[in-house]
PDB file of all heavy atoms in Angstrom:
ATOM      1  N   ARG A   1      46.496 -80.879  13.096  1.00  0.00           N
ATOM      2  CA  ARG A   1      45.629 -80.402  14.168  1.00  0.00           C
ATOM      3  C   ARG A   1      44.286 -81.110  14.073  1.00  0.00           C
ATOM      4  O   ARG A   1      43.767 -81.335  12.987  1.00  0.00           O
ATOM      5  CB  ARG A   1      45.420 -78.890  14.082  1.00  0.00           C
ATOM      6  CG  ARG A   1      46.657 -78.124  14.407  1.00  0.00           C
ATOM      7  CD  ARG A   1      46.974 -78.276  15.879  1.00  0.00           C
ATOM      8  NE  ARG A   1      48.255 -77.678  16.209  1.00  0.00           N
ATOM      9  CZ  ARG A   1      49.058 -78.155  17.145  1.00  0.00           C
ATOM     10  NH1 ARG A   1      48.730 -79.219  17.829  1.00  0.00           N
ATOM     11  NH2 ARG A   1      50.185 -77.562  17.400  1.00  0.00           N
ATOM     12  N   GLY A   2      43.744 -81.454  15.209  1.00  0.00           N
ATOM     13  CA  GLY A   2      42.451 -82.113  15.265  1.00  0.00           C
ATOM     14  C   GLY A   2      42.584 -83.589  15.581  1.00  0.00           C
ATOM     15  O   GLY A   2      43.686 -84.129  15.679  1.00  0.00           O
ATOM     16  N   ARG A   3      41.434 -84.222  15.737  1.00  0.00           N
ATOM     17  CA  ARG A   3      41.418 -85.633  16.124  1.00  0.00           C
ATOM     18  C   ARG A   3      40.686 -86.505  15.111  1.00  0.00           C
ATOM     19  O   ARG A   3      40.334 -87.635  15.399  1.00  0.00           O
ATOM     20  CB  ARG A   3      40.775 -85.760  17.494  1.00  0.00           C
ATOM     21  CG  ARG A   3      41.619 -85.109  18.570  1.00  0.00           C
ATOM     22  CD  ARG A   3      41.072 -85.408  19.949  1.00  0.00           C
ATOM     23  NE  ARG A   3      42.022 -84.985  20.953  1.00  0.00           N
ATOM     24  CZ  ARG A   3      41.907 -83.893  21.674  1.00  0.00           C
ATOM     25  NH1 ARG A   3      40.870 -83.101  21.518  1.00  0.00           N
ATOM     26  NH2 ARG A   3      42.817 -83.592  22.576  1.00  0.00           N
ATOM     27  N   SER A   4      40.463 -85.999  13.918  1.00  0.00           N
ATOM     28  CA  SER A   4      39.687 -86.747  12.936  1.00  0.00           C
ATOM     29  C   SER A   4      40.398 -87.991  12.427  1.00  0.00           C
ATOM     30  O   SER A   4      39.756 -88.915  11.945  1.00  0.00           O
ATOM     31  CB  SER A   4      39.315 -85.859  11.751  1.00  0.00           C
ATOM     32  OG  SER A   4      40.470 -85.493  11.020  1.00  0.00           O
ATOM     33  N   MET A   5      41.723 -88.058  12.546  1.00  0.00           N
ATOM     34  CA  MET A   5      42.459 -89.221  12.049  1.00  0.00           C
ATOM     35  C   MET A   5      42.968 -90.125  13.166  1.00  0.00           C
ATOM     36  O   MET A   5      43.825 -90.967  12.951  1.00  0.00           O
ATOM     37  CB  MET A   5      43.627 -88.759  11.163  1.00  0.00           C
ATOM     38  CG  MET A   5      43.182 -88.268   9.809  1.00  0.00           C
ATOM     39  SD  MET A   5      42.243 -89.492   8.878  1.00  0.00           S
ATOM     40  CE  MET A   5      43.484 -90.717   8.562  1.00  0.00           C
ATOM     41  N   TRP A   6      42.436 -89.951  14.381  1.00  0.00           N
ATOM     42  CA  TRP A   6      42.800 -90.809  15.497  1.00  0.00           C
ATOM     43  C   TRP A   6      42.456 -92.245  15.140  1.00  0.00           C
ATOM     44  O   TRP A   6      41.416 -92.480  14.530  1.00  0.00           O
ATOM     45  CB  TRP A   6      42.023 -90.378  16.742  1.00  0.00           C
ATOM     46  CG  TRP A   6      42.328 -91.204  17.946  1.00  0.00           C
ATOM     47  CD1 TRP A   6      43.296 -90.953  18.867  1.00  0.00           C
ATOM     48  CD2 TRP A   6      41.676 -92.405  18.352  1.00  0.00           C
ATOM     49  NE1 TRP A   6      43.283 -91.931  19.814  1.00  0.00           N
ATOM     50  CE2 TRP A   6      42.298 -92.844  19.529  1.00  0.00           C
ATOM     51  CE3 TRP A   6      40.637 -93.175  17.834  1.00  0.00           C
ATOM     52  CZ2 TRP A   6      41.923 -93.999  20.187  1.00  0.00           C
ATOM     53  CZ3 TRP A   6      40.259 -94.330  18.483  1.00  0.00           C
ATOM     54  CH2 TRP A   6      40.901 -94.725  19.646  1.00  0.00           C
ATOM     55  N   PRO A   7      43.240 -93.216  15.429  1.00  0.00           N
ATOM     56  CA  PRO A   7      44.454 -93.213  16.246  1.00  0.00           C
ATOM     57  C   PRO A   7      45.742 -93.152  15.439  1.00  0.00           C
ATOM     58  O   PRO A   7      46.821 -93.262  16.003  1.00  0.00           O
ATOM     59  CB  PRO A   7      44.356 -94.552  16.959  1.00  0.00           C
ATOM     60  CG  PRO A   7      43.770 -95.462  15.931  1.00  0.00           C
ATOM     61  CD  PRO A   7      42.785 -94.595  15.169  1.00  0.00           C
ATOM     62  N   PHE A   8      45.669 -92.975  14.130  1.00  0.00           N
ATOM     63  CA  PHE A   8      46.869 -93.069  13.303  1.00  0.00           C
ATOM     64  C   PHE A   8      47.629 -91.760  13.173  1.00  0.00           C
ATOM     65  O   PHE A   8      48.852 -91.748  13.201  1.00  0.00           O
ATOM     66  CB  PHE A   8      46.517 -93.646  11.931  1.00  0.00           C
ATOM     67  CG  PHE A   8      46.017 -95.053  12.036  1.00  0.00           C
ATOM     68  CD1 PHE A   8      44.680 -95.349  11.849  1.00  0.00           C
ATOM     69  CD2 PHE A   8      46.881 -96.079  12.375  1.00  0.00           C
ATOM     70  CE1 PHE A   8      44.215 -96.641  11.976  1.00  0.00           C
ATOM     71  CE2 PHE A   8      46.421 -97.382  12.509  1.00  0.00           C
ATOM     72  CZ  PHE A   8      45.090 -97.661  12.307  1.00  0.00           C
ATOM     73  N   VAL A   9      46.928 -90.655  13.012  1.00  0.00           N
ATOM     74  CA  VAL A   9      47.560 -89.341  13.007  1.00  0.00           C
ATOM     75  C   VAL A   9      46.975 -88.589  14.195  1.00  0.00           C
ATOM     76  O   VAL A   9      45.766 -88.420  14.291  1.00  0.00           O
ATOM     77  CB  VAL A   9      47.287 -88.561  11.696  1.00  0.00           C
ATOM     78  CG1 VAL A   9      47.958 -87.196  11.739  1.00  0.00           C
ATOM     79  CG2 VAL A   9      47.754 -89.357  10.482  1.00  0.00           C
ATOM     80  N   LEU A  10      47.857 -88.176  15.102  1.00  0.00           N
ATOM     81  CA  LEU A  10      47.413 -87.529  16.340  1.00  0.00           C
ATOM     82  C   LEU A  10      47.572 -86.018  16.260  1.00  0.00           C
ATOM     83  O   LEU A  10      48.417 -85.507  15.512  1.00  0.00           O
ATOM     84  CB  LEU A  10      48.225 -88.064  17.518  1.00  0.00           C
ATOM     85  CG  LEU A  10      48.206 -89.578  17.726  1.00  0.00           C
ATOM     86  CD1 LEU A  10      49.065 -89.961  18.925  1.00  0.00           C
ATOM     87  CD2 LEU A  10      46.786 -90.091  17.879  1.00  0.00           C
ATOM     88  N   ASP A  11      46.759 -85.317  17.024  1.00  0.00           N
ATOM     89  CA  ASP A  11      46.864 -83.872  17.129  1.00  0.00           C
ATOM     90  C   ASP A  11      48.279 -83.527  17.586  1.00  0.00           C
ATOM     91  O   ASP A  11      48.746 -84.032  18.605  1.00  0.00           O
ATOM     92  CB  ASP A  11      45.827 -83.355  18.134  1.00  0.00           C
ATOM     93  CG  ASP A  11      45.783 -81.853  18.204  1.00  0.00           C
ATOM     94  OD1 ASP A  11      45.719 -81.215  17.145  1.00  0.00           O
ATOM     95  OD2 ASP A  11      45.813 -81.313  19.328  1.00  0.00           O
ATOM     96  N   GLY A  12      48.974 -82.703  16.829  1.00  0.00           N
ATOM     97  CA  GLY A  12      50.334 -82.312  17.175  1.00  0.00           C
ATOM     98  C   GLY A  12      51.416 -83.095  16.437  1.00  0.00           C
ATOM     99  O   GLY A  12      52.590 -82.741  16.517  1.00  0.00           O
ATOM    100  N   ASP A  13      51.061 -84.150  15.718  1.00  0.00           N
ATOM    101  CA  ASP A  13      52.044 -84.871  14.907  1.00  0.00           C
ATOM    102  C   ASP A  13      52.532 -83.956  13.790  1.00  0.00           C
ATOM    103  O   ASP A  13      51.767 -83.185  13.217  1.00  0.00           O
ATOM    104  CB  ASP A  13      51.427 -86.109  14.239  1.00  0.00           C
ATOM    105  CG  ASP A  13      51.274 -87.285  15.181  1.00  0.00           C
ATOM    106  OD1 ASP A  13      51.797 -87.244  16.306  1.00  0.00           O
ATOM    107  OD2 ASP A  13      50.622 -88.271  14.768  1.00  0.00           O
ATOM    108  N   ARG A  14      53.813 -84.060  13.482  1.00  0.00           N
ATOM    109  CA  ARG A  14      54.358 -83.357  12.313  1.00  0.00           C
ATOM    110  C   ARG A  14      54.271 -84.334  11.146  1.00  0.00           C
ATOM    111  O   ARG A  14      54.723 -85.469  11.253  1.00  0.00           O
ATOM    112  CB  ARG A  14      55.796 -82.929  12.559  1.00  0.00           C
ATOM    113  CG  ARG A  14      56.391 -82.148  11.403  1.00  0.00           C
ATOM    114  CD  ARG A  14      57.779 -81.630  11.733  1.00  0.00           C
ATOM    115  NE  ARG A  14      57.758 -80.673  12.814  1.00  0.00           N
ATOM    116  CZ  ARG A  14      57.543 -79.359  12.665  1.00  0.00           C
ATOM    117  NH1 ARG A  14      57.316 -78.877  11.467  1.00  0.00           N
ATOM    118  NH2 ARG A  14      57.550 -78.553  13.693  1.00  0.00           N
ATOM    119  N   VAL A  15      53.646 -83.907  10.062  1.00  0.00           N
ATOM    120  CA  VAL A  15      53.417 -84.801   8.921  1.00  0.00           C
ATOM    121  C   VAL A  15      54.128 -84.257   7.686  1.00  0.00           C
ATOM    122  O   VAL A  15      54.297 -83.047   7.528  1.00  0.00           O
ATOM    123  CB  VAL A  15      51.911 -84.982   8.631  1.00  0.00           C
ATOM    124  CG1 VAL A  15      51.229 -85.685   9.798  1.00  0.00           C
ATOM    125  CG2 VAL A  15      51.224 -83.657   8.351  1.00  0.00           C
ATOM    126  N   THR A  16      54.555 -85.189   6.835  1.00  0.00           N
ATOM    127  CA  THR A  16      55.184 -84.830   5.567  1.00  0.00           C
ATOM    128  C   THR A  16      54.288 -85.309   4.439  1.00  0.00           C
ATOM    129  O   THR A  16      53.888 -86.472   4.403  1.00  0.00           O
ATOM    130  CB  THR A  16      56.576 -85.481   5.434  1.00  0.00           C
ATOM    131  OG1 THR A  16      57.393 -85.056   6.527  1.00  0.00           O
ATOM    132  CG2 THR A  16      57.233 -85.080   4.124  1.00  0.00           C
ATOM    133  N   ILE A  17      53.983 -84.394   3.529  1.00  0.00           N
ATOM    134  CA  ILE A  17      53.112 -84.655   2.387  1.00  0.00           C
ATOM    135  C   ILE A  17      53.934 -84.457   1.117  1.00  0.00           C
ATOM    136  O   ILE A  17      54.668 -83.479   0.997  1.00  0.00           O
ATOM    137  CB  ILE A  17      51.921 -83.669   2.366  1.00  0.00           C
ATOM    138  CG1 ILE A  17      51.215 -83.591   3.716  1.00  0.00           C
ATOM    139  CG2 ILE A  17      50.963 -83.998   1.230  1.00  0.00           C
ATOM    140  CD1 ILE A  17      50.569 -84.855   4.176  1.00  0.00           C
ATOM    141  N   VAL A  18      53.797 -85.390   0.171  1.00  0.00           N
ATOM    142  CA  VAL A  18      54.474 -85.260  -1.121  1.00  0.00           C
ATOM    143  C   VAL A  18      53.424 -85.072  -2.207  1.00  0.00           C
ATOM    144  O   VAL A  18      52.258 -85.434  -2.024  1.00  0.00           O
ATOM    145  CB  VAL A  18      55.372 -86.483  -1.432  1.00  0.00           C
ATOM    146  CG1 VAL A  18      56.498 -86.595  -0.418  1.00  0.00           C
ATOM    147  CG2 VAL A  18      54.560 -87.755  -1.509  1.00  0.00           C
ATOM    148  N   PRO A  19      53.839 -84.519  -3.344  1.00  0.00           N
ATOM    149  CA  PRO A  19      52.886 -84.345  -4.449  1.00  0.00           C
ATOM    150  C   PRO A  19      52.277 -85.679  -4.872  1.00  0.00           C
ATOM    151  O   PRO A  19      52.906 -86.734  -4.759  1.00  0.00           O
ATOM    152  CB  PRO A  19      53.745 -83.762  -5.573  1.00  0.00           C
ATOM    153  CG  PRO A  19      54.913 -83.154  -4.884  1.00  0.00           C
ATOM    154  CD  PRO A  19      55.166 -83.999  -3.673  1.00  0.00           C
ATOM    155  N   LEU A  20      51.099 -85.598  -5.374  1.00  0.00           N
ATOM    156  CA  LEU A  20      50.379 -86.780  -5.849  1.00  0.00           C
ATOM    157  C   LEU A  20      50.634 -86.906  -7.345  1.00  0.00           C
ATOM    158  O   LEU A  20      50.104 -86.140  -8.136  1.00  0.00           O
ATOM    159  CB  LEU A  20      48.888 -86.612  -5.552  1.00  0.00           C
ATOM    160  CG  LEU A  20      48.015 -87.829  -5.627  1.00  0.00           C
ATOM    161  CD1 LEU A  20      48.459 -88.881  -4.628  1.00  0.00           C
ATOM    162  CD2 LEU A  20      46.586 -87.452  -5.358  1.00  0.00           C
ATOM    163  N   TYR A  21      51.491 -87.848  -7.722  1.00  0.00           N
ATOM    164  CA  TYR A  21      51.856 -88.011  -9.128  1.00  0.00           C
ATOM    165  C   TYR A  21      50.940 -88.961  -9.881  1.00  0.00           C
ATOM    166  O   TYR A  21      50.935 -88.993 -11.094  1.00  0.00           O
ATOM    167  CB  TYR A  21      53.301 -88.498  -9.251  1.00  0.00           C
ATOM    168  CG  TYR A  21      54.284 -87.455  -8.793  1.00  0.00           C
ATOM    169  CD1 TYR A  21      55.050 -87.649  -7.666  1.00  0.00           C
ATOM    170  CD2 TYR A  21      54.421 -86.253  -9.486  1.00  0.00           C
ATOM    171  CE1 TYR A  21      55.956 -86.687  -7.245  1.00  0.00           C
ATOM    172  CE2 TYR A  21      55.315 -85.280  -9.070  1.00  0.00           C
ATOM    173  CZ  TYR A  21      56.081 -85.519  -7.945  1.00  0.00           C
ATOM    174  OH  TYR A  21      56.954 -84.553  -7.528  1.00  0.00           O
ATOM    175  N   ARG A  22      50.190 -89.766  -9.146  1.00  0.00           N
ATOM    176  CA  ARG A  22      49.242 -90.672  -9.785  1.00  0.00           C
ATOM    177  C   ARG A  22      47.997 -90.729  -8.910  1.00  0.00           C
ATOM    178  O   ARG A  22      47.988 -90.251  -7.784  1.00  0.00           O
ATOM    179  CB  ARG A  22      49.842 -92.054  -9.996  1.00  0.00           C
ATOM    180  CG  ARG A  22      50.237 -92.719  -8.707  1.00  0.00           C
ATOM    181  CD  ARG A  22      50.798 -94.079  -8.942  1.00  0.00           C
ATOM    182  NE  ARG A  22      50.874 -94.691  -7.623  1.00  0.00           N
ATOM    183  CZ  ARG A  22      51.555 -95.750  -7.337  1.00  0.00           C
ATOM    184  NH1 ARG A  22      52.206 -96.350  -8.270  1.00  0.00           N
ATOM    185  NH2 ARG A  22      51.571 -96.216  -6.130  1.00  0.00           N
ATOM    186  N   HIS A  23      46.974 -91.337  -9.425  1.00  0.00           N
ATOM    187  CA  HIS A  23      45.707 -91.414  -8.709  1.00  0.00           C
ATOM    188  C   HIS A  23      45.903 -92.127  -7.365  1.00  0.00           C
ATOM    189  O   HIS A  23      46.583 -93.147  -7.300  1.00  0.00           O
ATOM    190  CB  HIS A  23      44.703 -92.180  -9.578  1.00  0.00           C
ATOM    191  CG  HIS A  23      43.309 -91.685  -9.441  1.00  0.00           C
ATOM    192  ND1 HIS A  23      42.937 -90.400  -9.769  1.00  0.00           N
ATOM    193  CD2 HIS A  23      42.196 -92.299  -9.000  1.00  0.00           C
ATOM    194  CE1 HIS A  23      41.646 -90.253  -9.537  1.00  0.00           C
ATOM    195  NE2 HIS A  23      41.177 -91.380  -9.080  1.00  0.00           N
ATOM    196  N   PRO A  24      45.321 -91.598  -6.287  1.00  0.00           N
ATOM    197  CA  PRO A  24      45.465 -92.267  -4.997  1.00  0.00           C
ATOM    198  C   PRO A  24      44.710 -93.591  -4.968  1.00  0.00           C
ATOM    199  O   PRO A  24      43.825 -93.838  -5.792  1.00  0.00           O
ATOM    200  CB  PRO A  24      44.853 -91.268  -4.008  1.00  0.00           C
ATOM    201  CG  PRO A  24      43.886 -90.505  -4.822  1.00  0.00           C
ATOM    202  CD  PRO A  24      44.471 -90.419  -6.204  1.00  0.00           C
ATOM    203  N   GLU A  25      45.067 -94.422  -4.010  1.00  0.00           N
ATOM    204  CA  GLU A  25      44.418 -95.719  -3.843  1.00  0.00           C
ATOM    205  C   GLU A  25      43.639 -95.734  -2.537  1.00  0.00           C
ATOM    206  O   GLU A  25      44.024 -95.065  -1.576  1.00  0.00           O
ATOM    207  CB  GLU A  25      45.473 -96.824  -3.816  1.00  0.00           C
ATOM    208  CG  GLU A  25      46.280 -96.905  -5.090  1.00  0.00           C
ATOM    209  CD  GLU A  25      47.431 -97.887  -4.974  1.00  0.00           C
ATOM    210  OE1 GLU A  25      47.471 -98.657  -3.993  1.00  0.00           O
ATOM    211  OE2 GLU A  25      48.282 -97.870  -5.872  1.00  0.00           O
ATOM    212  N   PRO A  26      42.549 -96.501  -2.484  1.00  0.00           N
ATOM    213  CA  PRO A  26      41.822 -96.637  -1.222  1.00  0.00           C
ATOM    214  C   PRO A  26      42.768 -97.104  -0.108  1.00  0.00           C
ATOM    215  O   PRO A  26      43.606 -97.971  -0.319  1.00  0.00           O
ATOM    216  CB  PRO A  26      40.760 -97.690  -1.531  1.00  0.00           C
ATOM    217  CG  PRO A  26      40.524 -97.536  -3.001  1.00  0.00           C
ATOM    218  CD  PRO A  26      41.882 -97.224  -3.572  1.00  0.00           C
TER     219      PRO A  26
END
């Protein structure tokens, strides 16, 4: 929900998140 990630993630997109097993990268 929201438009903060436009244009890559849109309001209403269904997203899948997995656990973070290691440090994220930029």
